[in-house]
N, C-alpha and C. Protein backbone atom coordinates (compact mmCIF):
# COMPACT_ATOMS: atom_id res chain seq x y z
N UNK A 1 40.75 7.59 -25.66
CA UNK A 1 39.56 7.73 -24.84
C UNK A 1 38.33 7.62 -25.72
N UNK A 2 37.42 6.76 -25.40
CA UNK A 2 36.21 6.64 -26.21
C UNK A 2 35.34 7.89 -26.08
N UNK A 3 34.75 8.28 -27.19
CA UNK A 3 33.83 9.41 -27.17
C UNK A 3 34.49 10.77 -27.10
N UNK A 4 35.79 10.85 -27.37
CA UNK A 4 36.51 12.12 -27.29
C UNK A 4 37.13 12.43 -28.65
N UNK A 5 36.99 13.68 -29.09
CA UNK A 5 37.61 14.12 -30.33
C UNK A 5 38.55 15.29 -30.05
N UNK A 6 39.70 15.32 -30.70
CA UNK A 6 40.57 16.50 -30.55
C UNK A 6 39.95 17.69 -31.27
N UNK A 7 40.20 18.88 -30.75
CA UNK A 7 39.64 20.11 -31.32
C UNK A 7 40.77 21.09 -31.60
N UNK A 8 40.74 21.68 -32.78
CA UNK A 8 41.64 22.79 -33.11
C UNK A 8 40.77 24.03 -33.23
N UNK A 9 41.16 25.09 -32.55
CA UNK A 9 40.34 26.29 -32.53
C UNK A 9 41.21 27.48 -32.18
N UNK A 10 40.80 28.64 -32.60
CA UNK A 10 41.48 29.86 -32.19
C UNK A 10 42.52 30.33 -33.19
N UNK A 11 42.12 31.15 -34.14
CA UNK A 11 43.07 31.75 -35.07
C UNK A 11 43.48 30.86 -36.22
N UNK A 12 42.78 29.77 -36.45
CA UNK A 12 43.17 28.88 -37.55
C UNK A 12 42.52 29.33 -38.85
N UNK A 13 43.23 29.09 -39.95
CA UNK A 13 42.74 29.44 -41.29
C UNK A 13 43.31 28.45 -42.30
N UNK A 14 43.08 28.70 -43.59
CA UNK A 14 43.41 27.72 -44.62
C UNK A 14 44.88 27.32 -44.67
N UNK A 15 45.78 28.22 -44.36
CA UNK A 15 47.21 27.88 -44.40
C UNK A 15 47.60 26.92 -43.27
N UNK A 16 46.78 26.80 -42.24
CA UNK A 16 47.06 25.85 -41.16
C UNK A 16 46.62 24.42 -41.52
N UNK A 17 45.81 24.28 -42.57
CA UNK A 17 45.18 22.99 -42.86
C UNK A 17 46.17 21.84 -43.04
N UNK A 18 47.30 21.99 -43.73
CA UNK A 18 48.21 20.85 -43.83
C UNK A 18 48.68 20.34 -42.46
N UNK A 19 49.06 21.24 -41.58
CA UNK A 19 49.52 20.83 -40.25
C UNK A 19 48.38 20.22 -39.45
N UNK A 20 47.19 20.81 -39.54
CA UNK A 20 46.04 20.27 -38.80
C UNK A 20 45.69 18.87 -39.28
N UNK A 21 45.74 18.66 -40.60
CA UNK A 21 45.44 17.34 -41.16
C UNK A 21 46.48 16.32 -40.71
N UNK A 22 47.73 16.73 -40.70
CA UNK A 22 48.80 15.81 -40.28
C UNK A 22 48.71 15.49 -38.79
N UNK A 23 48.43 16.50 -37.98
CA UNK A 23 48.39 16.31 -36.53
C UNK A 23 47.16 15.53 -36.09
N UNK A 24 45.98 15.91 -36.59
CA UNK A 24 44.73 15.36 -36.08
C UNK A 24 44.15 14.23 -36.92
N UNK A 25 44.56 14.09 -38.17
CA UNK A 25 44.00 13.05 -39.02
C UNK A 25 42.55 13.35 -39.39
N UNK A 26 41.75 12.30 -39.50
CA UNK A 26 40.37 12.45 -39.98
C UNK A 26 39.35 12.66 -38.87
N UNK A 27 39.64 12.22 -37.67
CA UNK A 27 38.66 12.31 -36.58
C UNK A 27 38.99 13.48 -35.68
N UNK A 28 38.50 14.66 -36.05
CA UNK A 28 38.76 15.85 -35.26
C UNK A 28 37.69 16.90 -35.54
N UNK A 29 37.70 17.92 -34.73
CA UNK A 29 36.81 19.07 -34.92
C UNK A 29 37.71 20.27 -35.20
N UNK A 30 37.49 20.90 -36.34
CA UNK A 30 38.24 22.10 -36.72
C UNK A 30 37.29 23.28 -36.65
N UNK A 31 37.48 24.13 -35.68
CA UNK A 31 36.57 25.26 -35.45
C UNK A 31 37.17 26.53 -36.05
N UNK A 32 36.79 26.81 -37.28
CA UNK A 32 37.25 28.01 -37.97
C UNK A 32 36.27 29.13 -37.71
N UNK A 33 36.61 30.03 -36.81
CA UNK A 33 35.76 31.20 -36.57
C UNK A 33 36.11 32.28 -37.57
N UNK A 34 37.10 33.09 -37.21
CA UNK A 34 37.54 34.16 -38.08
C UNK A 34 38.10 33.66 -39.40
N UNK A 35 38.61 32.42 -39.42
CA UNK A 35 39.11 31.83 -40.65
C UNK A 35 38.02 31.57 -41.66
N UNK A 36 36.77 31.57 -41.23
CA UNK A 36 35.62 31.48 -42.12
C UNK A 36 34.96 32.84 -42.27
N UNK A 37 34.65 33.46 -41.14
CA UNK A 37 33.91 34.72 -41.15
C UNK A 37 34.73 35.87 -41.71
N UNK A 38 36.06 35.75 -41.71
CA UNK A 38 36.92 36.81 -42.20
C UNK A 38 37.17 36.77 -43.70
N UNK A 39 36.53 35.83 -44.39
CA UNK A 39 36.72 35.74 -45.84
C UNK A 39 36.17 37.01 -46.49
N UNK A 40 36.88 37.57 -47.47
CA UNK A 40 36.44 38.84 -48.06
C UNK A 40 35.11 38.77 -48.80
N UNK A 41 34.69 37.57 -49.20
CA UNK A 41 33.43 37.44 -49.94
C UNK A 41 32.27 36.99 -49.05
N UNK A 42 32.53 36.75 -47.77
CA UNK A 42 31.46 36.36 -46.86
C UNK A 42 31.66 34.99 -46.25
N UNK A 43 30.67 34.60 -45.44
CA UNK A 43 30.77 33.36 -44.66
C UNK A 43 30.77 32.10 -45.52
N UNK A 44 29.84 32.02 -46.47
CA UNK A 44 29.73 30.81 -47.29
C UNK A 44 31.01 30.57 -48.11
N UNK A 45 31.56 31.58 -48.79
CA UNK A 45 32.83 31.35 -49.48
C UNK A 45 33.97 31.01 -48.52
N UNK A 46 33.91 31.54 -47.30
CA UNK A 46 34.91 31.17 -46.30
C UNK A 46 34.84 29.70 -45.94
N UNK A 47 33.61 29.19 -45.80
CA UNK A 47 33.43 27.77 -45.51
C UNK A 47 33.89 26.92 -46.69
N UNK A 48 33.59 27.36 -47.91
CA UNK A 48 34.04 26.63 -49.10
C UNK A 48 35.57 26.57 -49.14
N UNK A 49 36.22 27.69 -48.87
CA UNK A 49 37.69 27.74 -48.87
C UNK A 49 38.28 26.74 -47.87
N UNK A 50 37.71 26.70 -46.68
CA UNK A 50 38.20 25.76 -45.66
C UNK A 50 37.99 24.32 -46.10
N UNK A 51 36.82 24.04 -46.67
CA UNK A 51 36.51 22.67 -47.11
C UNK A 51 37.45 22.23 -48.24
N UNK A 52 37.67 23.12 -49.20
CA UNK A 52 38.56 22.79 -50.32
C UNK A 52 39.99 22.54 -49.80
N UNK A 53 40.44 23.38 -48.88
CA UNK A 53 41.78 23.19 -48.31
C UNK A 53 41.87 21.85 -47.58
N UNK A 54 40.85 21.51 -46.82
CA UNK A 54 40.83 20.23 -46.10
C UNK A 54 40.87 19.06 -47.07
N UNK A 55 39.99 19.09 -48.08
CA UNK A 55 39.93 17.99 -49.03
C UNK A 55 41.25 17.85 -49.81
N UNK A 56 41.88 18.97 -50.15
CA UNK A 56 43.16 18.91 -50.85
C UNK A 56 44.23 18.27 -49.98
N UNK A 57 44.23 18.60 -48.70
CA UNK A 57 45.23 18.04 -47.77
C UNK A 57 44.99 16.56 -47.53
N UNK A 58 43.73 16.16 -47.36
CA UNK A 58 43.42 14.74 -47.15
C UNK A 58 43.81 13.94 -48.39
N UNK A 59 43.47 14.45 -49.58
CA UNK A 59 43.83 13.76 -50.81
C UNK A 59 45.35 13.64 -50.94
N UNK A 60 46.06 14.73 -50.68
CA UNK A 60 47.53 14.70 -50.78
C UNK A 60 48.12 13.71 -49.79
N UNK A 61 47.60 13.70 -48.57
CA UNK A 61 48.09 12.74 -47.56
C UNK A 61 47.83 11.31 -48.03
N UNK A 62 46.63 11.06 -48.56
CA UNK A 62 46.28 9.71 -49.02
C UNK A 62 47.13 9.28 -50.22
N UNK A 63 47.64 10.25 -50.97
CA UNK A 63 48.52 9.95 -52.11
C UNK A 63 49.97 9.77 -51.66
N UNK A 64 50.23 9.95 -50.37
CA UNK A 64 51.57 9.75 -49.83
C UNK A 64 52.45 10.98 -49.82
N UNK A 65 51.86 12.15 -50.07
CA UNK A 65 52.66 13.38 -50.05
C UNK A 65 52.97 13.79 -48.61
N UNK A 66 54.06 14.50 -48.44
CA UNK A 66 54.52 14.94 -47.12
C UNK A 66 53.89 16.30 -46.80
N UNK A 67 52.88 16.29 -45.93
CA UNK A 67 52.16 17.53 -45.61
C UNK A 67 53.05 18.55 -44.92
N UNK A 68 53.99 18.09 -44.12
CA UNK A 68 54.86 19.03 -43.40
C UNK A 68 55.74 19.81 -44.37
N UNK A 69 56.25 19.13 -45.38
CA UNK A 69 57.15 19.80 -46.34
C UNK A 69 56.41 20.45 -47.50
N UNK A 70 55.34 19.82 -47.95
CA UNK A 70 54.66 20.28 -49.17
C UNK A 70 53.36 21.02 -48.89
N UNK A 71 53.04 21.26 -47.63
CA UNK A 71 51.74 21.81 -47.27
C UNK A 71 51.35 23.08 -48.00
N UNK A 72 52.24 24.06 -48.02
CA UNK A 72 51.92 25.32 -48.69
C UNK A 72 51.74 25.12 -50.19
N UNK A 73 52.54 24.24 -50.80
CA UNK A 73 52.38 23.94 -52.22
C UNK A 73 51.03 23.29 -52.50
N UNK A 74 50.60 22.41 -51.62
CA UNK A 74 49.31 21.74 -51.77
C UNK A 74 48.18 22.76 -51.74
N UNK A 75 48.24 23.69 -50.81
CA UNK A 75 47.21 24.73 -50.72
C UNK A 75 47.25 25.62 -51.96
N UNK A 76 48.44 26.01 -52.41
CA UNK A 76 48.57 26.85 -53.61
C UNK A 76 48.00 26.15 -54.84
N UNK A 77 48.29 24.86 -54.99
CA UNK A 77 47.76 24.09 -56.13
C UNK A 77 46.23 24.07 -56.10
N UNK A 78 45.66 23.81 -54.93
CA UNK A 78 44.20 23.75 -54.82
C UNK A 78 43.56 25.11 -55.08
N UNK A 79 44.26 26.18 -54.74
CA UNK A 79 43.69 27.52 -54.94
C UNK A 79 43.61 27.90 -56.42
N UNK A 80 44.31 27.16 -57.28
CA UNK A 80 44.23 27.43 -58.72
C UNK A 80 42.86 27.09 -59.29
N UNK A 81 42.16 26.12 -58.70
CA UNK A 81 40.84 25.75 -59.19
C UNK A 81 39.71 26.12 -58.22
N UNK A 82 40.03 26.83 -57.15
CA UNK A 82 39.01 27.30 -56.22
C UNK A 82 39.22 28.79 -55.97
N UNK A 83 38.39 29.64 -56.59
CA UNK A 83 38.55 31.08 -56.36
C UNK A 83 38.32 31.46 -54.89
N UNK A 84 37.46 30.71 -54.19
CA UNK A 84 37.23 30.98 -52.77
C UNK A 84 38.50 30.75 -51.96
N UNK A 85 39.18 29.64 -52.25
CA UNK A 85 40.43 29.34 -51.55
C UNK A 85 41.51 30.35 -51.93
N UNK A 86 41.57 30.73 -53.20
CA UNK A 86 42.57 31.72 -53.63
C UNK A 86 42.39 33.04 -52.88
N UNK A 87 41.14 33.47 -52.71
CA UNK A 87 40.88 34.72 -51.98
C UNK A 87 41.27 34.58 -50.51
N UNK A 88 40.97 33.42 -49.91
CA UNK A 88 41.35 33.19 -48.50
C UNK A 88 42.87 33.17 -48.35
N UNK A 89 43.55 32.56 -49.31
CA UNK A 89 45.02 32.50 -49.27
C UNK A 89 45.62 33.90 -49.33
N UNK A 90 45.00 34.77 -50.10
CA UNK A 90 45.51 36.13 -50.21
C UNK A 90 45.29 36.91 -48.91
N UNK A 91 44.15 36.70 -48.27
CA UNK A 91 43.85 37.40 -47.01
C UNK A 91 44.77 36.93 -45.90
N UNK A 92 44.91 35.62 -45.73
CA UNK A 92 45.62 35.08 -44.57
C UNK A 92 47.12 34.98 -44.78
N UNK A 93 47.58 35.02 -46.01
CA UNK A 93 49.01 34.90 -46.35
C UNK A 93 49.56 33.54 -45.91
N UNK A 94 50.75 33.24 -46.39
CA UNK A 94 51.37 31.95 -46.08
C UNK A 94 51.95 31.95 -44.68
N UNK A 95 51.93 30.77 -44.08
CA UNK A 95 52.60 30.57 -42.80
C UNK A 95 53.47 29.33 -42.93
N UNK A 96 54.38 29.19 -42.01
CA UNK A 96 55.22 28.00 -41.98
C UNK A 96 55.48 27.66 -40.53
N UNK A 97 55.22 26.41 -40.16
CA UNK A 97 55.52 25.96 -38.81
C UNK A 97 56.95 25.45 -38.81
N UNK A 98 57.89 26.34 -38.59
CA UNK A 98 59.30 25.98 -38.64
C UNK A 98 60.00 26.61 -37.44
N UNK A 99 59.86 25.96 -36.29
CA UNK A 99 60.47 26.51 -35.09
C UNK A 99 60.87 25.36 -34.17
N UNK A 100 61.79 25.66 -33.29
CA UNK A 100 62.24 24.67 -32.32
C UNK A 100 61.33 24.69 -31.11
N UNK A 101 61.11 23.54 -30.48
CA UNK A 101 60.32 23.53 -29.25
C UNK A 101 61.01 24.37 -28.18
N UNK A 102 60.22 25.01 -27.37
CA UNK A 102 60.77 25.89 -26.33
C UNK A 102 60.93 25.17 -24.99
N UNK A 103 60.23 24.08 -24.80
CA UNK A 103 60.32 23.34 -23.54
C UNK A 103 61.12 22.06 -23.74
N UNK A 104 61.95 21.76 -22.78
CA UNK A 104 62.66 20.48 -22.82
C UNK A 104 61.81 19.45 -22.08
N UNK A 105 62.12 18.18 -22.30
CA UNK A 105 61.41 17.12 -21.59
C UNK A 105 61.60 17.28 -20.08
N UNK A 106 62.81 17.67 -19.68
CA UNK A 106 63.09 17.84 -18.26
C UNK A 106 62.20 18.94 -17.67
N UNK A 107 62.07 20.05 -18.39
CA UNK A 107 61.23 21.15 -17.91
C UNK A 107 59.77 20.70 -17.82
N UNK A 108 59.31 19.95 -18.83
CA UNK A 108 57.93 19.43 -18.80
C UNK A 108 57.73 18.51 -17.61
N UNK A 109 58.74 17.66 -17.32
CA UNK A 109 58.63 16.75 -16.19
C UNK A 109 58.51 17.54 -14.89
N UNK A 110 59.33 18.58 -14.72
CA UNK A 110 59.25 19.39 -13.51
C UNK A 110 57.89 20.05 -13.37
N UNK A 111 57.34 20.57 -14.47
CA UNK A 111 56.01 21.19 -14.41
C UNK A 111 54.95 20.16 -14.02
N UNK A 112 55.08 18.95 -14.57
CA UNK A 112 54.13 17.89 -14.23
C UNK A 112 54.23 17.55 -12.74
N UNK A 113 55.44 17.41 -12.23
CA UNK A 113 55.62 17.09 -10.82
C UNK A 113 55.10 18.21 -9.92
N UNK A 114 55.33 19.45 -10.33
CA UNK A 114 54.81 20.58 -9.55
C UNK A 114 53.29 20.56 -9.53
N UNK A 115 52.69 20.32 -10.70
CA UNK A 115 51.23 20.33 -10.76
C UNK A 115 50.61 19.16 -10.01
N UNK A 116 51.33 18.04 -9.92
CA UNK A 116 50.84 16.87 -9.17
C UNK A 116 51.24 16.91 -7.71
N UNK A 117 51.83 18.01 -7.29
CA UNK A 117 52.23 18.24 -5.90
C UNK A 117 53.24 17.20 -5.40
N UNK A 118 54.12 16.76 -6.32
CA UNK A 118 55.19 15.85 -5.93
C UNK A 118 56.50 16.61 -5.73
N UNK A 119 56.52 17.85 -6.19
CA UNK A 119 57.66 18.74 -5.98
C UNK A 119 57.13 20.07 -5.46
N UNK A 120 57.97 20.76 -4.76
CA UNK A 120 57.60 22.08 -4.27
C UNK A 120 58.68 23.06 -4.70
N UNK A 121 58.26 24.21 -5.15
CA UNK A 121 59.20 25.25 -5.54
C UNK A 121 59.44 26.12 -4.31
N UNK A 122 60.67 26.17 -3.83
CA UNK A 122 60.98 26.95 -2.64
C UNK A 122 61.94 28.07 -2.98
N UNK A 123 61.68 29.20 -2.39
CA UNK A 123 62.56 30.36 -2.53
C UNK A 123 63.23 30.60 -1.19
N UNK A 124 64.54 30.71 -1.19
CA UNK A 124 65.31 30.87 0.04
C UNK A 124 66.16 32.12 -0.06
N UNK A 125 66.10 32.94 0.96
CA UNK A 125 66.94 34.14 1.02
C UNK A 125 68.35 33.71 1.42
N UNK A 126 69.30 34.01 0.57
CA UNK A 126 70.69 33.66 0.85
C UNK A 126 71.34 34.83 1.58
N UNK A 127 71.74 34.60 2.83
CA UNK A 127 72.35 35.67 3.62
C UNK A 127 73.72 36.05 3.09
N UNK A 128 74.44 35.07 2.58
CA UNK A 128 75.80 35.36 2.12
C UNK A 128 75.81 36.14 0.79
N UNK A 129 74.80 35.93 -0.05
CA UNK A 129 74.78 36.57 -1.36
C UNK A 129 73.81 37.75 -1.42
N UNK A 130 73.03 37.96 -0.39
CA UNK A 130 71.97 38.96 -0.41
C UNK A 130 71.07 38.78 -1.64
N UNK A 131 70.72 37.55 -1.92
CA UNK A 131 69.86 37.26 -3.07
C UNK A 131 68.88 36.15 -2.69
N UNK A 132 67.97 35.91 -3.58
CA UNK A 132 67.00 34.84 -3.37
C UNK A 132 67.37 33.68 -4.28
N UNK A 133 67.51 32.49 -3.71
CA UNK A 133 67.77 31.29 -4.48
C UNK A 133 66.48 30.51 -4.63
N UNK A 134 66.35 29.87 -5.76
CA UNK A 134 65.17 29.07 -6.04
C UNK A 134 65.59 27.61 -6.16
N UNK A 135 64.80 26.70 -5.63
CA UNK A 135 65.11 25.29 -5.77
C UNK A 135 63.83 24.48 -5.78
N UNK A 136 63.92 23.29 -6.40
CA UNK A 136 62.81 22.35 -6.41
C UNK A 136 63.11 21.28 -5.38
N UNK A 137 62.16 21.03 -4.50
CA UNK A 137 62.36 20.10 -3.40
C UNK A 137 61.30 19.00 -3.48
N UNK A 138 61.71 17.71 -3.49
CA UNK A 138 60.72 16.63 -3.50
C UNK A 138 59.89 16.63 -2.22
N UNK A 139 58.60 16.37 -2.36
CA UNK A 139 57.73 16.27 -1.20
C UNK A 139 57.59 14.81 -0.81
N UNK A 140 57.49 14.56 0.50
CA UNK A 140 57.35 13.17 0.93
C UNK A 140 55.93 12.87 1.30
């Protein structure tokens, strides 16, 4: 879409930078609220820490490094020459995005159809089981 930029916001900090760089690339808005303001030395060092982390990730990506696998190492390496980043790393601690998706494609499809009003979720009282059955019914 022309004139649209992806935005990452809400609870992001320096340890998220490798994933954010990999996901969004260069054309994005990264809104670090608490990830900047929560720096122990103040707002300006928080901004420096975020910028150093971003530049380290962009450089690593441009050198062909795997941000998904090496992301935390990249941040640790950069923190050796940036005291602001080192302090931010200590505050926020390491994270790792290592989890399985919780939604299946089929579940996503059903949610999409429900939201587009192409399916209806119906609850039916079952007289034989004395329970409520749930079913998805196509709308015509």
